[in-house]
Amino acid sequence: MNCFVKEFSQLTKVSVRTLHHYDDIGLLKASLRSSGNYRLYSEVDLLKLQCIVALKFFGFSLEQIKVLIKQNAAVVAQLKAQQPCLQEQLQQQQQAVASIHELILSAEAGEHLEWAKIAES
């Protein structure tokens, strides 16, 4: 499998602009170049992009991802370090959802919403 950037973009649902950016910063370089010097992506590139997308989803910056990909052994340690951060973010989001739910109930009951009380939540 060798895909031009547009085909690779459609296959992976990652924009051409993002793929070009990843190439520019050295995060994901196309494995091959065509005779016209166009980028050609391989299955190896697909696997690497899947790893990038997953790490980005887990909250890592592109710079952190670049380092993690180069030092494959450190990925597990970094994931362990990232897990508590994500758990804290999840708790904050759950608290925000609960606060919003209470506000909706209050508003539907005709109660006046006090912004000072909302800010404390």
PDB file of N, CA and C in Angstrom:
ATOM      1  N   MET A   1       0.839  -1.175   0.000  1.00  0.00           N
ATOM      2  CA  MET A   1       0.000   0.000   0.000  1.00  0.00           C
ATOM      3  C   MET A   1       0.888   1.244   0.000  1.00  0.00           C
ATOM      4  N   ASN A   2       0.772   2.034  -1.008  1.00  0.00           N
ATOM      5  CA  ASN A   2       1.419   3.339  -1.059  1.00  0.00           C
ATOM      6  C   ASN A   2       0.369   4.346  -1.496  1.00  0.00           C
ATOM      7  N   CYS A   3       0.134   5.347  -0.664  1.00  0.00           N
ATOM      8  CA  CYS A   3      -0.915   6.335  -0.926  1.00  0.00           C
ATOM      9  C   CYS A   3      -0.319   7.725  -1.048  1.00  0.00           C
ATOM     10  N   PHE A   4      -0.868   8.489  -1.971  1.00  0.00           N
ATOM     11  CA  PHE A   4      -0.551   9.909  -2.006  1.00  0.00           C
ATOM     12  C   PHE A   4      -1.226  10.569  -0.820  1.00  0.00           C
ATOM     13  N   VAL A   5      -0.810  11.785  -0.494  1.00  0.00           N
ATOM     14  CA  VAL A   5      -1.274  12.450   0.717  1.00  0.00           C
ATOM     15  C   VAL A   5      -2.805  12.583   0.757  1.00  0.00           C
ATOM     16  N   LYS A   6      -3.428  12.892  -0.363  1.00  0.00           N
ATOM     17  CA  LYS A   6      -4.890  13.052  -0.365  1.00  0.00           C
ATOM     18  C   LYS A   6      -5.583  11.727  -0.056  1.00  0.00           C
ATOM     19  N   GLU A   7      -5.109  10.646  -0.648  1.00  0.00           N
ATOM     20  CA  GLU A   7      -5.683   9.324  -0.392  1.00  0.00           C
ATOM     21  C   GLU A   7      -5.459   8.913   1.062  1.00  0.00           C
ATOM     22  N   PHE A   8      -4.259   9.180   1.549  1.00  0.00           N
ATOM     23  CA  PHE A   8      -3.913   8.851   2.936  1.00  0.00           C
ATOM     24  C   PHE A   8      -4.794   9.639   3.897  1.00  0.00           C
ATOM     25  N   SER A   9      -5.035  10.893   3.569  1.00  0.00           N
ATOM     26  CA  SER A   9      -5.902  11.743   4.370  1.00  0.00           C
ATOM     27  C   SER A   9      -7.319  11.176   4.428  1.00  0.00           C
ATOM     28  N   GLN A  10      -7.844  10.770   3.297  1.00  0.00           N
ATOM     29  CA  GLN A  10      -9.199  10.203   3.247  1.00  0.00           C
ATOM     30  C   GLN A  10      -9.273   8.889   4.013  1.00  0.00           C
ATOM     31  N   LEU A  11      -8.246   8.091   3.902  1.00  0.00           N
ATOM     32  CA  LEU A  11      -8.199   6.800   4.590  1.00  0.00           C
ATOM     33  C   LEU A  11      -8.154   6.966   6.100  1.00  0.00           C
ATOM     34  N   THR A  12      -7.396   7.935   6.564  1.00  0.00           N
ATOM     35  CA  THR A  12      -7.152   8.084   7.998  1.00  0.00           C
ATOM     36  C   THR A  12      -8.031   9.129   8.676  1.00  0.00           C
ATOM     37  N   LYS A  13      -8.747   9.923   7.882  1.00  0.00           N
ATOM     38  CA  LYS A  13      -9.587  11.015   8.410  1.00  0.00           C
ATOM     39  C   LYS A  13      -8.734  12.087   9.102  1.00  0.00           C
ATOM     40  N   VAL A  14      -7.489  12.221   8.677  1.00  0.00           N
ATOM     41  CA  VAL A  14      -6.587  13.264   9.144  1.00  0.00           C
ATOM     42  C   VAL A  14      -6.368  14.197   7.954  1.00  0.00           C
ATOM     43  N   SER A  15      -6.549  15.495   8.172  1.00  0.00           N
ATOM     44  CA  SER A  15      -6.502  16.436   7.053  1.00  0.00           C
ATOM     45  C   SER A  15      -5.126  16.473   6.382  1.00  0.00           C
ATOM     46  N   VAL A  16      -5.141  16.842   5.111  1.00  0.00           N
ATOM     47  CA  VAL A  16      -3.898  17.003   4.357  1.00  0.00           C
ATOM     48  C   VAL A  16      -3.022  18.047   5.040  1.00  0.00           C
ATOM     49  N   ARG A  17      -3.652  19.112   5.504  1.00  0.00           N
ATOM     50  CA  ARG A  17      -2.905  20.174   6.177  1.00  0.00           C
ATOM     51  C   ARG A  17      -2.183  19.631   7.417  1.00  0.00           C
ATOM     52  N   THR A  18      -2.876  18.802   8.191  1.00  0.00           N
ATOM     53  CA  THR A  18      -2.259  18.205   9.383  1.00  0.00           C
ATOM     54  C   THR A  18      -1.113  17.284   8.991  1.00  0.00           C
ATOM     55  N   LEU A  19      -1.308  16.485   7.958  1.00  0.00           N
ATOM     56  CA  LEU A  19      -0.245  15.583   7.501  1.00  0.00           C
ATOM     57  C   LEU A  19       0.978  16.390   7.051  1.00  0.00           C
ATOM     58  N   HIS A  20       0.746  17.480   6.337  1.00  0.00           N
ATOM     59  CA  HIS A  20       1.863  18.336   5.926  1.00  0.00           C
ATOM     60  C   HIS A  20       2.561  18.939   7.142  1.00  0.00           C
ATOM     61  N   HIS A  21       1.772  19.346   8.141  1.00  0.00           N
ATOM     62  CA  HIS A  21       2.350  19.901   9.367  1.00  0.00           C
ATOM     63  C   HIS A  21       3.212  18.845  10.083  1.00  0.00           C
ATOM     64  N   TYR A  22       2.681  17.633  10.198  1.00  0.00           N
ATOM     65  CA  TYR A  22       3.441  16.556  10.834  1.00  0.00           C
ATOM     66  C   TYR A  22       4.751  16.311  10.082  1.00  0.00           C
ATOM     67  N   ASP A  23       4.702  16.418   8.766  1.00  0.00           N
ATOM     68  CA  ASP A  23       5.899  16.249   7.961  1.00  0.00           C
ATOM     69  C   ASP A  23       6.878  17.399   8.222  1.00  0.00           C
ATOM     70  N   ASP A  24       6.362  18.616   8.251  1.00  0.00           N
ATOM     71  CA  ASP A  24       7.210  19.800   8.466  1.00  0.00           C
ATOM     72  C   ASP A  24       7.939  19.752   9.799  1.00  0.00           C
ATOM     73  N   ILE A  25       7.272  19.253  10.846  1.00  0.00           N
ATOM     74  CA  ILE A  25       7.901  19.215  12.176  1.00  0.00           C
ATOM     75  C   ILE A  25       8.662  17.916  12.429  1.00  0.00           C
ATOM     76  N   GLY A  26       8.659  17.030  11.438  1.00  0.00           N
ATOM     77  CA  GLY A  26       9.409  15.787  11.559  1.00  0.00           C
ATOM     78  C   GLY A  26       8.729  14.710  12.381  1.00  0.00           C
ATOM     79  N   LEU A  27       7.433  14.871  12.604  1.00  0.00           N
ATOM     80  CA  LEU A  27       6.694  13.882  13.395  1.00  0.00           C
ATOM     81  C   LEU A  27       6.337  12.664  12.556  1.00  0.00           C
ATOM     82  N   LEU A  28       5.884  12.907  11.330  1.00  0.00           N
ATOM     83  CA  LEU A  28       5.513  11.812  10.426  1.00  0.00           C
ATOM     84  C   LEU A  28       5.946  12.181   9.019  1.00  0.00           C
ATOM     85  N   LYS A  29       7.061  11.634   8.614  1.00  0.00           N
ATOM     86  CA  LYS A  29       7.574  11.821   7.256  1.00  0.00           C
ATOM     87  C   LYS A  29       7.081  10.663   6.398  1.00  0.00           C
ATOM     88  N   ALA A  30       6.620  10.970   5.209  1.00  0.00           N
ATOM     89  CA  ALA A  30       6.213   9.911   4.284  1.00  0.00           C
ATOM     90  C   ALA A  30       7.419   9.025   3.988  1.00  0.00           C
ATOM     91  N   SER A  31       7.187   7.730   3.934  1.00  0.00           N
ATOM     92  CA  SER A  31       8.284   6.778   3.725  1.00  0.00           C
ATOM     93  C   SER A  31       8.925   6.902   2.354  1.00  0.00           C
ATOM     94  N   LEU A  32       8.117   7.283   1.390  1.00  0.00           N
ATOM     95  CA  LEU A  32       8.601   7.318   0.014  1.00  0.00           C
ATOM     96  C   LEU A  32       8.243   8.636  -0.657  1.00  0.00           C
ATOM     97  N   ARG A  33       8.876   8.874  -1.771  1.00  0.00           N
ATOM     98  CA  ARG A  33       8.549  10.004  -2.638  1.00  0.00           C
ATOM     99  C   ARG A  33       8.370   9.463  -4.053  1.00  0.00           C
ATOM    100  N   SER A  34       7.387  10.009  -4.749  1.00  0.00           N
ATOM    101  CA  SER A  34       7.156   9.595  -6.143  1.00  0.00           C
ATOM    102  C   SER A  34       8.209  10.244  -7.039  1.00  0.00           C
ATOM    103  N   SER A  35       8.202   9.868  -8.308  1.00  0.00           N
ATOM    104  CA  SER A  35       9.157  10.461  -9.249  1.00  0.00           C
ATOM    105  C   SER A  35       8.927  11.967  -9.379  1.00  0.00           C
ATOM    106  N   GLY A  36       7.698  12.417  -9.091  1.00  0.00           N
ATOM    107  CA  GLY A  36       7.385  13.844  -9.112  1.00  0.00           C
ATOM    108  C   GLY A  36       7.612  14.502  -7.763  1.00  0.00           C
ATOM    109  N   ASN A  37       8.231  13.795  -6.830  1.00  0.00           N
ATOM    110  CA  ASN A  37       8.556  14.260  -5.481  1.00  0.00           C
ATOM    111  C   ASN A  37       7.319  14.443  -4.591  1.00  0.00           C
ATOM    112  N   TYR A  38       6.234  13.735  -4.900  1.00  0.00           N
ATOM    113  CA  TYR A  38       5.048  13.761  -4.040  1.00  0.00           C
ATOM    114  C   TYR A  38       5.218  12.746  -2.914  1.00  0.00           C
ATOM    115  N   ARG A  39       4.631  13.048  -1.763  1.00  0.00           N
ATOM    116  CA  ARG A  39       4.707  12.149  -0.615  1.00  0.00           C
ATOM    117  C   ARG A  39       3.918  10.864  -0.913  1.00  0.00           C
ATOM    118  N   LEU A  40       4.496   9.741  -0.532  1.00  0.00           N
ATOM    119  CA  LEU A  40       3.813   8.450  -0.613  1.00  0.00           C
ATOM    120  C   LEU A  40       3.881   7.807   0.762  1.00  0.00           C
ATOM    121  N   TYR A  41       2.706   7.491   1.308  1.00  0.00           N
ATOM    122  CA  TYR A  41       2.609   6.911   2.650  1.00  0.00           C
ATOM    123  C   TYR A  41       2.423   5.402   2.554  1.00  0.00           C
ATOM    124  N   SER A  42       3.080   4.693   3.446  1.00  0.00           N
ATOM    125  CA  SER A  42       3.051   3.230   3.471  1.00  0.00           C
ATOM    126  C   SER A  42       2.238   2.731   4.664  1.00  0.00           C
ATOM    127  N   GLU A  43       2.149   1.410   4.794  1.00  0.00           N
ATOM    128  CA  GLU A  43       1.471   0.816   5.951  1.00  0.00           C
ATOM    129  C   GLU A  43       2.204   1.159   7.249  1.00  0.00           C
ATOM    130  N   VAL A  44       3.518   1.233   7.193  1.00  0.00           N
ATOM    131  CA  VAL A  44       4.308   1.625   8.370  1.00  0.00           C
ATOM    132  C   VAL A  44       3.913   3.036   8.799  1.00  0.00           C
ATOM    133  N   ASP A  45       3.725   3.922   7.828  1.00  0.00           N
ATOM    134  CA  ASP A  45       3.298   5.288   8.135  1.00  0.00           C
ATOM    135  C   ASP A  45       1.898   5.292   8.746  1.00  0.00           C
ATOM    136  N   LEU A  46       1.042   4.411   8.263  1.00  0.00           N
ATOM    137  CA  LEU A  46      -0.314   4.293   8.797  1.00  0.00           C
ATOM    138  C   LEU A  46      -0.272   3.897  10.275  1.00  0.00           C
ATOM    139  N   LEU A  47       0.535   2.916  10.611  1.00  0.00           N
ATOM    140  CA  LEU A  47       0.660   2.483  12.005  1.00  0.00           C
ATOM    141  C   LEU A  47       1.218   3.600  12.883  1.00  0.00           C
ATOM    142  N   LYS A  48       2.191   4.326  12.368  1.00  0.00           N
ATOM    143  CA  LYS A  48       2.779   5.428  13.125  1.00  0.00           C
ATOM    144  C   LYS A  48       1.737   6.523  13.339  1.00  0.00           C
ATOM    145  N   LEU A  49       0.938   6.821  12.306  1.00  0.00           N
ATOM    146  CA  LEU A  49      -0.101   7.845  12.437  1.00  0.00           C
ATOM    147  C   LEU A  49      -1.151   7.414  13.451  1.00  0.00           C
ATOM    148  N   GLN A  50      -1.502   6.141  13.465  1.00  0.00           N
ATOM    149  CA  GLN A  50      -2.470   5.648  14.448  1.00  0.00           C
ATOM    150  C   GLN A  50      -1.933   5.855  15.867  1.00  0.00           C
ATOM    151  N   CYS A  51      -0.659   5.637  16.057  1.00  0.00           N
ATOM    152  CA  CYS A  51      -0.024   5.860  17.358  1.00  0.00           C
ATOM    153  C   CYS A  51      -0.078   7.344  17.713  1.00  0.00           C
ATOM    154  N   ILE A  52       0.220   8.204  16.755  1.00  0.00           N
ATOM    155  CA  ILE A  52       0.187   9.658  16.980  1.00  0.00           C
ATOM    156  C   ILE A  52      -1.215  10.096  17.386  1.00  0.00           C
ATOM    157  N   VAL A  53      -2.208   9.624  16.655  1.00  0.00           N
ATOM    158  CA  VAL A  53      -3.601   9.997  16.933  1.00  0.00           C
ATOM    159  C   VAL A  53      -4.002   9.536  18.335  1.00  0.00           C
ATOM    160  N   ALA A  54      -3.617   8.318  18.701  1.00  0.00           N
ATOM    161  CA  ALA A  54      -3.956   7.795  20.023  1.00  0.00           C
ATOM    162  C   ALA A  54      -3.291   8.622  21.123  1.00  0.00           C
ATOM    163  N   LEU A  55      -2.013   8.900  20.981  1.00  0.00           N
ATOM    164  CA  LEU A  55      -1.301   9.678  21.997  1.00  0.00           C
ATOM    165  C   LEU A  55      -1.853  11.100  22.100  1.00  0.00           C
ATOM    166  N   LYS A  56      -2.236  11.659  20.961  1.00  0.00           N
ATOM    167  CA  LYS A  56      -2.835  12.997  20.967  1.00  0.00           C
ATOM    168  C   LYS A  56      -4.175  12.950  21.710  1.00  0.00           C
ATOM    169  N   PHE A  57      -4.946  11.904  21.482  1.00  0.00           N
ATOM    170  CA  PHE A  57      -6.221  11.725  22.182  1.00  0.00           C
ATOM    171  C   PHE A  57      -6.009  11.634  23.688  1.00  0.00           C
ATOM    172  N   PHE A  58      -4.917  11.025  24.101  1.00  0.00           N
ATOM    173  CA  PHE A  58      -4.609  10.877  25.525  1.00  0.00           C
ATOM    174  C   PHE A  58      -4.063  12.152  26.139  1.00  0.00           C
ATOM    175  N   GLY A  59      -3.929  13.210  25.349  1.00  0.00           N
ATOM    176  CA  GLY A  59      -3.552  14.507  25.891  1.00  0.00           C
ATOM    177  C   GLY A  59      -2.092  14.890  25.759  1.00  0.00           C
ATOM    178  N   PHE A  60      -1.323  14.123  25.024  1.00  0.00           N
ATOM    179  CA  PHE A  60       0.077  14.466  24.841  1.00  0.00           C
ATOM    180  C   PHE A  60       0.227  15.545  23.771  1.00  0.00           C
ATOM    181  N   SER A  61       1.213  16.431  23.952  1.00  0.00           N
ATOM    182  CA  SER A  61       1.506  17.452  22.947  1.00  0.00           C
ATOM    183  C   SER A  61       2.263  16.805  21.787  1.00  0.00           C
ATOM    184  N   LEU A  62       2.326  17.507  20.664  1.00  0.00           N
ATOM    185  CA  LEU A  62       3.048  16.962  19.512  1.00  0.00           C
ATOM    186  C   LEU A  62       4.532  16.781  19.822  1.00  0.00           C
ATOM    187  N   GLU A  63       5.098  17.697  20.595  1.00  0.00           N
ATOM    188  CA  GLU A  63       6.508  17.553  20.988  1.00  0.00           C
ATOM    189  C   GLU A  63       6.706  16.310  21.854  1.00  0.00           C
ATOM    190  N   GLN A  64       5.792  16.083  22.799  1.00  0.00           N
ATOM    191  CA  GLN A  64       5.887  14.889  23.644  1.00  0.00           C
ATOM    192  C   GLN A  64       5.735  13.627  22.793  1.00  0.00           C
ATOM    193  N   ILE A  65       4.818  13.658  21.840  1.00  0.00           N
ATOM    194  CA  ILE A  65       4.591  12.503  20.970  1.00  0.00           C
ATOM    195  C   ILE A  65       5.837  12.204  20.146  1.00  0.00           C
ATOM    196  N   LYS A  66       6.464  13.247  19.654  1.00  0.00           N
ATOM    197  CA  LYS A  66       7.683  13.078  18.859  1.00  0.00           C
ATOM    198  C   LYS A  66       8.749  12.337  19.664  1.00  0.00           C
ATOM    199  N   VAL A  67       8.918  12.737  20.921  1.00  0.00           N
ATOM    200  CA  VAL A  67       9.905  12.094  21.793  1.00  0.00           C
ATOM    201  C   VAL A  67       9.489  10.653  22.092  1.00  0.00           C
ATOM    202  N   LEU A  68       8.209  10.454  22.398  1.00  0.00           N
ATOM    203  CA  LEU A  68       7.723   9.116  22.737  1.00  0.00           C
ATOM    204  C   LEU A  68       7.901   8.136  21.593  1.00  0.00           C
ATOM    205  N   ILE A  69       7.659   8.592  20.382  1.00  0.00           N
ATOM    206  CA  ILE A  69       7.793   7.701  19.228  1.00  0.00           C
ATOM    207  C   ILE A  69       9.254   7.302  19.021  1.00  0.00           C
ATOM    208  N   LYS A  70      10.157   8.243  19.256  1.00  0.00           N
ATOM    209  CA  LYS A  70      11.576   7.937  19.112  1.00  0.00           C
ATOM    210  C   LYS A  70      12.056   6.989  20.214  1.00  0.00           C
ATOM    211  N   GLN A  71      11.498   7.129  21.415  1.00  0.00           N
ATOM    212  CA  GLN A  71      11.884   6.291  22.550  1.00  0.00           C
ATOM    213  C   GLN A  71      10.717   5.375  22.884  1.00  0.00           C
ATOM    214  N   ASN A  72      10.469   4.431  22.051  1.00  0.00           N
ATOM    215  CA  ASN A  72       9.294   3.567  22.163  1.00  0.00           C
ATOM    216  C   ASN A  72       9.144   2.939  23.547  1.00  0.00           C
ATOM    217  N   ALA A  73      10.238   2.625  24.203  1.00  0.00           N
ATOM    218  CA  ALA A  73      10.179   1.970  25.515  1.00  0.00           C
ATOM    219  C   ALA A  73       9.587   2.878  26.581  1.00  0.00           C
ATOM    220  N   ALA A  74       9.684   4.192  26.404  1.00  0.00           N
ATOM    221  CA  ALA A  74       9.218   5.133  27.415  1.00  0.00           C
ATOM    222  C   ALA A  74       7.706   5.368  27.347  1.00  0.00           C
ATOM    223  N   VAL A  75       7.053   4.822  26.360  1.00  0.00           N
ATOM    224  CA  VAL A  75       5.626   5.082  26.168  1.00  0.00           C
ATOM    225  C   VAL A  75       4.810   4.625  27.372  1.00  0.00           C
ATOM    226  N   VAL A  76       5.063   3.459  27.884  1.00  0.00           N
ATOM    227  CA  VAL A  76       4.289   2.931  29.007  1.00  0.00           C
ATOM    228  C   VAL A  76       4.446   3.831  30.230  1.00  0.00           C
ATOM    229  N   ALA A  77       5.653   4.257  30.511  1.00  0.00           N
ATOM    230  CA  ALA A  77       5.883   5.149  31.655  1.00  0.00           C
ATOM    231  C   ALA A  77       5.148   6.468  31.465  1.00  0.00           C
ATOM    232  N   GLN A  78       5.155   6.990  30.257  1.00  0.00           N
ATOM    233  CA  GLN A  78       4.462   8.242  29.981  1.00  0.00           C
ATOM    234  C   GLN A  78       2.945   8.071  30.096  1.00  0.00           C
ATOM    235  N   LEU A  79       2.438   6.940  29.634  1.00  0.00           N
ATOM    236  CA  LEU A  79       1.003   6.667  29.767  1.00  0.00           C
ATOM    237  C   LEU A  79       0.607   6.573  31.239  1.00  0.00           C
ATOM    238  N   LYS A  80       1.458   5.937  32.044  1.00  0.00           N
ATOM    239  CA  LYS A  80       1.186   5.849  33.481  1.00  0.00           C
ATOM    240  C   LYS A  80       1.177   7.232  34.122  1.00  0.00           C
ATOM    241  N   ALA A  81       2.046   8.108  33.653  1.00  0.00           N
ATOM    242  CA  ALA A  81       2.095   9.468  34.193  1.00  0.00           C
ATOM    243  C   ALA A  81       0.888  10.289  33.729  1.00  0.00           C
ATOM    244  N   GLN A  82       0.418  10.025  32.534  1.00  0.00           N
ATOM    245  CA  GLN A  82      -0.700  10.788  31.980  1.00  0.00           C
ATOM    246  C   GLN A  82      -2.041  10.356  32.575  1.00  0.00           C
ATOM    247  N   GLN A  83      -2.144   9.113  32.983  1.00  0.00           N
ATOM    248  CA  GLN A  83      -3.417   8.580  33.478  1.00  0.00           C
ATOM    249  C   GLN A  83      -4.006   9.387  34.631  1.00  0.00           C
ATOM    250  N   PRO A  84      -3.260   9.722  35.680  1.00  0.00           N
ATOM    251  CA  PRO A  84      -3.859  10.514  36.765  1.00  0.00           C
ATOM    252  C   PRO A  84      -4.337  11.896  36.306  1.00  0.00           C
ATOM    253  N   CYS A  85      -3.619  12.491  35.366  1.00  0.00           N
ATOM    254  CA  CYS A  85      -4.037  13.800  34.839  1.00  0.00           C
ATOM    255  C   CYS A  85      -5.386  13.680  34.151  1.00  0.00           C
ATOM    256  N   LEU A  86      -5.540  12.633  33.362  1.00  0.00           N
ATOM    257  CA  LEU A  86      -6.815  12.423  32.671  1.00  0.00           C
ATOM    258  C   LEU A  86      -7.937  12.106  33.656  1.00  0.00           C
ATOM    259  N   GLN A  87      -7.615  11.357  34.713  1.00  0.00           N
ATOM    260  CA  GLN A  87      -8.628  11.050  35.721  1.00  0.00           C
ATOM    261  C   GLN A  87      -9.087  12.322  36.425  1.00  0.00           C
ATOM    262  N   GLU A  88      -8.155  13.222  36.706  1.00  0.00           N
ATOM    263  CA  GLU A  88      -8.510  14.493  37.341  1.00  0.00           C
ATOM    264  C   GLU A  88      -9.385  15.331  36.407  1.00  0.00           C
ATOM    265  N   GLN A  89      -9.029  15.368  35.132  1.00  0.00           N
ATOM    266  CA  GLN A  89      -9.845  16.099  34.165  1.00  0.00           C
ATOM    267  C   GLN A  89     -11.248  15.512  34.074  1.00  0.00           C
ATOM    268  N   LEU A  90     -11.334  14.192  34.122  1.00  0.00           N
ATOM    269  CA  LEU A  90     -12.629  13.521  34.082  1.00  0.00           C
ATOM    270  C   LEU A  90     -13.479  13.907  35.286  1.00  0.00           C
ATOM    271  N   GLN A  91     -12.881  13.918  36.467  1.00  0.00           N
ATOM    272  CA  GLN A  91     -13.615  14.314  37.673  1.00  0.00           C
ATOM    273  C   GLN A  91     -14.101  15.752  37.578  1.00  0.00           C
ATOM    274  N   GLN A  92     -13.269  16.632  37.047  1.00  0.00           N
ATOM    275  CA  GLN A  92     -13.675  18.026  36.880  1.00  0.00           C
ATOM    276  C   GLN A  92     -14.835  18.141  35.899  1.00  0.00           C
ATOM    277  N   GLN A  93     -14.788  17.383  34.829  1.00  0.00           N
ATOM    278  CA  GLN A  93     -15.869  17.397  33.840  1.00  0.00           C
ATOM    279  C   GLN A  93     -17.162  16.841  34.436  1.00  0.00           C
ATOM    280  N   GLN A  94     -17.034  15.782  35.221  1.00  0.00           N
ATOM    281  CA  GLN A  94     -18.220  15.209  35.858  1.00  0.00           C
ATOM    282  C   GLN A  94     -18.832  16.199  36.846  1.00  0.00           C
ATOM    283  N   GLN A  95     -17.995  16.916  37.561  1.00  0.00           N
ATOM    284  CA  GLN A  95     -18.480  17.925  38.501  1.00  0.00           C
ATOM    285  C   GLN A  95     -19.176  19.053  37.736  1.00  0.00           C
ATOM    286  N   ALA A  96     -18.616  19.453  36.608  1.00  0.00           N
ATOM    287  CA  ALA A  96     -19.231  20.503  35.797  1.00  0.00           C
ATOM    288  C   ALA A  96     -20.595  20.053  35.269  1.00  0.00           C
ATOM    289  N   VAL A  97     -20.686  18.800  34.838  1.00  0.00           N
ATOM    290  CA  VAL A  97     -21.956  18.268  34.348  1.00  0.00           C
ATOM    291  C   VAL A  97     -22.994  18.261  35.467  1.00  0.00           C
ATOM    292  N   ALA A  98     -22.596  17.847  36.657  1.00  0.00           N
ATOM    293  CA  ALA A  98     -23.521  17.825  37.798  1.00  0.00           C
ATOM    294  C   ALA A  98     -23.980  19.236  38.149  1.00  0.00           C
ATOM    295  N   SER A  99     -23.066  20.198  38.116  1.00  0.00           N
ATOM    296  CA  SER A  99     -23.427  21.590  38.411  1.00  0.00           C
ATOM    297  C   SER A  99     -24.411  22.135  37.383  1.00  0.00           C
ATOM    298  N   ILE A 100     -24.157  21.843  36.129  1.00  0.00           N
ATOM    299  CA  ILE A 100     -25.054  22.294  35.061  1.00  0.00           C
ATOM    300  C   ILE A 100     -26.427  21.664  35.235  1.00  0.00           C
ATOM    301  N   HIS A 101     -26.457  20.405  35.592  1.00  0.00           N
ATOM    302  CA  HIS A 101     -27.734  19.713  35.803  1.00  0.00           C
ATOM    303  C   HIS A 101     -28.531  20.403  36.910  1.00  0.00           C
ATOM    304  N   GLU A 102     -27.860  20.733  38.001  1.00  0.00           N
ATOM    305  CA  GLU A 102     -28.526  21.428  39.113  1.00  0.00           C
ATOM    306  C   GLU A 102     -29.040  22.795  38.675  1.00  0.00           C
ATOM    307  N   LEU A 103     -28.250  23.500  37.892  1.00  0.00           N
ATOM    308  CA  LEU A 103     -28.671  24.816  37.398  1.00  0.00           C
ATOM    309  C   LEU A 103     -29.889  24.708  36.496  1.00  0.00           C
ATOM    310  N   ILE A 104     -29.908  23.713  35.655  1.00  0.00           N
ATOM    311  CA  ILE A 104     -31.054  23.503  34.764  1.00  0.00           C
ATOM    312  C   ILE A 104     -32.307  23.231  35.585  1.00  0.00           C
ATOM    313  N   LEU A 105     -32.178  22.358  36.578  1.00  0.00           N
ATOM    314  CA  LEU A 105     -33.332  22.060  37.428  1.00  0.00           C
ATOM    315  C   LEU A 105     -33.826  23.311  38.147  1.00  0.00           C
ATOM    316  N   SER A 106     -32.898  24.118  38.657  1.00  0.00           N
ATOM    317  CA  SER A 106     -33.271  25.354  39.338  1.00  0.00           C
ATOM    318  C   SER A 106     -33.970  26.311  38.380  1.00  0.00           C
ATOM    319  N   ALA A 107     -33.423  26.457  37.188  1.00  0.00           N
ATOM    320  CA  ALA A 107     -34.006  27.371  36.210  1.00  0.00           C
ATOM    321  C   ALA A 107     -35.385  26.901  35.783  1.00  0.00           C
ATOM    322  N   GLU A 108     -35.534  25.598  35.584  1.00  0.00           N
ATOM    323  CA  GLU A 108     -36.846  25.057  35.186  1.00  0.00           C
ATOM    324  C   GLU A 108     -37.871  25.186  36.308  1.00  0.00           C
ATOM    325  N   ALA A 109     -37.410  25.223  37.549  1.00  0.00           N
ATOM    326  CA  ALA A 109     -38.311  25.394  38.693  1.00  0.00           C
ATOM    327  C   ALA A 109     -38.656  26.869  38.902  1.00  0.00           C
ATOM    328  N   GLY A 110     -38.105  27.708  38.050  1.00  0.00           N
ATOM    329  CA  GLY A 110     -38.397  29.130  38.139  1.00  0.00           C
ATOM    330  C   GLY A 110     -37.535  29.883  39.124  1.00  0.00           C
ATOM    331  N   GLU A 111     -36.519  29.240  39.626  1.00  0.00           N
ATOM    332  CA  GLU A 111     -35.622  29.895  40.573  1.00  0.00           C
ATOM    333  C   GLU A 111     -34.664  30.820  39.834  1.00  0.00           C
ATOM    334  N   HIS A 112     -34.278  31.877  40.516  1.00  0.00           N
ATOM    335  CA  HIS A 112     -33.320  32.832  39.957  1.00  0.00           C
ATOM    336  C   HIS A 112     -31.914  32.221  40.040  1.00  0.00           C
ATOM    337  N   LEU A 113     -31.187  32.276  38.930  1.00  0.00           N
ATOM    338  CA  LEU A 113     -29.825  31.742  38.928  1.00  0.00           C
ATOM    339  C   LEU A 113     -28.864  32.787  39.484  1.00  0.00           C
ATOM    340  N   GLU A 114     -28.182  32.422  40.522  1.00  0.00           N
ATOM    341  CA  GLU A 114     -27.224  33.323  41.151  1.00  0.00           C
ATOM    342  C   GLU A 114     -25.833  33.031  40.608  1.00  0.00           C
ATOM    343  N   TRP A 115     -25.280  33.997  39.880  1.00  0.00           N
ATOM    344  CA  TRP A 115     -23.989  33.801  39.260  1.00  0.00           C
ATOM    345  C   TRP A 115     -22.870  33.623  40.281  1.00  0.00           C
ATOM    346  N   ALA A 116     -23.006  34.229  41.420  1.00  0.00           N
ATOM    347  CA  ALA A 116     -21.987  34.053  42.472  1.00  0.00           C
ATOM    348  C   ALA A 116     -21.940  32.594  42.912  1.00  0.00           C
ATOM    349  N   LYS A 117     -23.116  31.995  43.030  1.00  0.00           N
ATOM    350  CA  LYS A 117     -23.189  30.577  43.419  1.00  0.00           C
ATOM    351  C   LYS A 117     -22.617  29.686  42.307  1.00  0.00           C
ATOM    352  N   ILE A 118     -22.892  30.066  41.068  1.00  0.00           N
ATOM    353  CA  ILE A 118     -22.394  29.291  39.935  1.00  0.00           C
ATOM    354  C   ILE A 118     -20.866  29.347  39.897  1.00  0.00           C
ATOM    355  N   ALA A 119     -20.322  30.520  40.156  1.00  0.00           N
ATOM    356  CA  ALA A 119     -18.858  30.695  40.125  1.00  0.00           C
ATOM    357  C   ALA A 119     -18.165  29.860  41.204  1.00  0.00           C
ATOM    358  N   GLU A 120     -18.839  29.613  42.314  1.00  0.00           N
ATOM    359  CA  GLU A 120     -18.266  28.813  43.397  1.00  0.00           C
ATOM    360  C   GLU A 120     -18.197  27.338  43.035  1.00  0.00           C
ATOM    361  N   SER A 121     -19.043  26.895  42.131  1.00  0.00           N
ATOM    362  CA  SER A 121     -19.120  25.459  41.781  1.00  0.00           C
ATOM    363  C   SER A 121     -17.876  24.961  41.114  1.00  0.00           C
TER     364      SER A 121
END
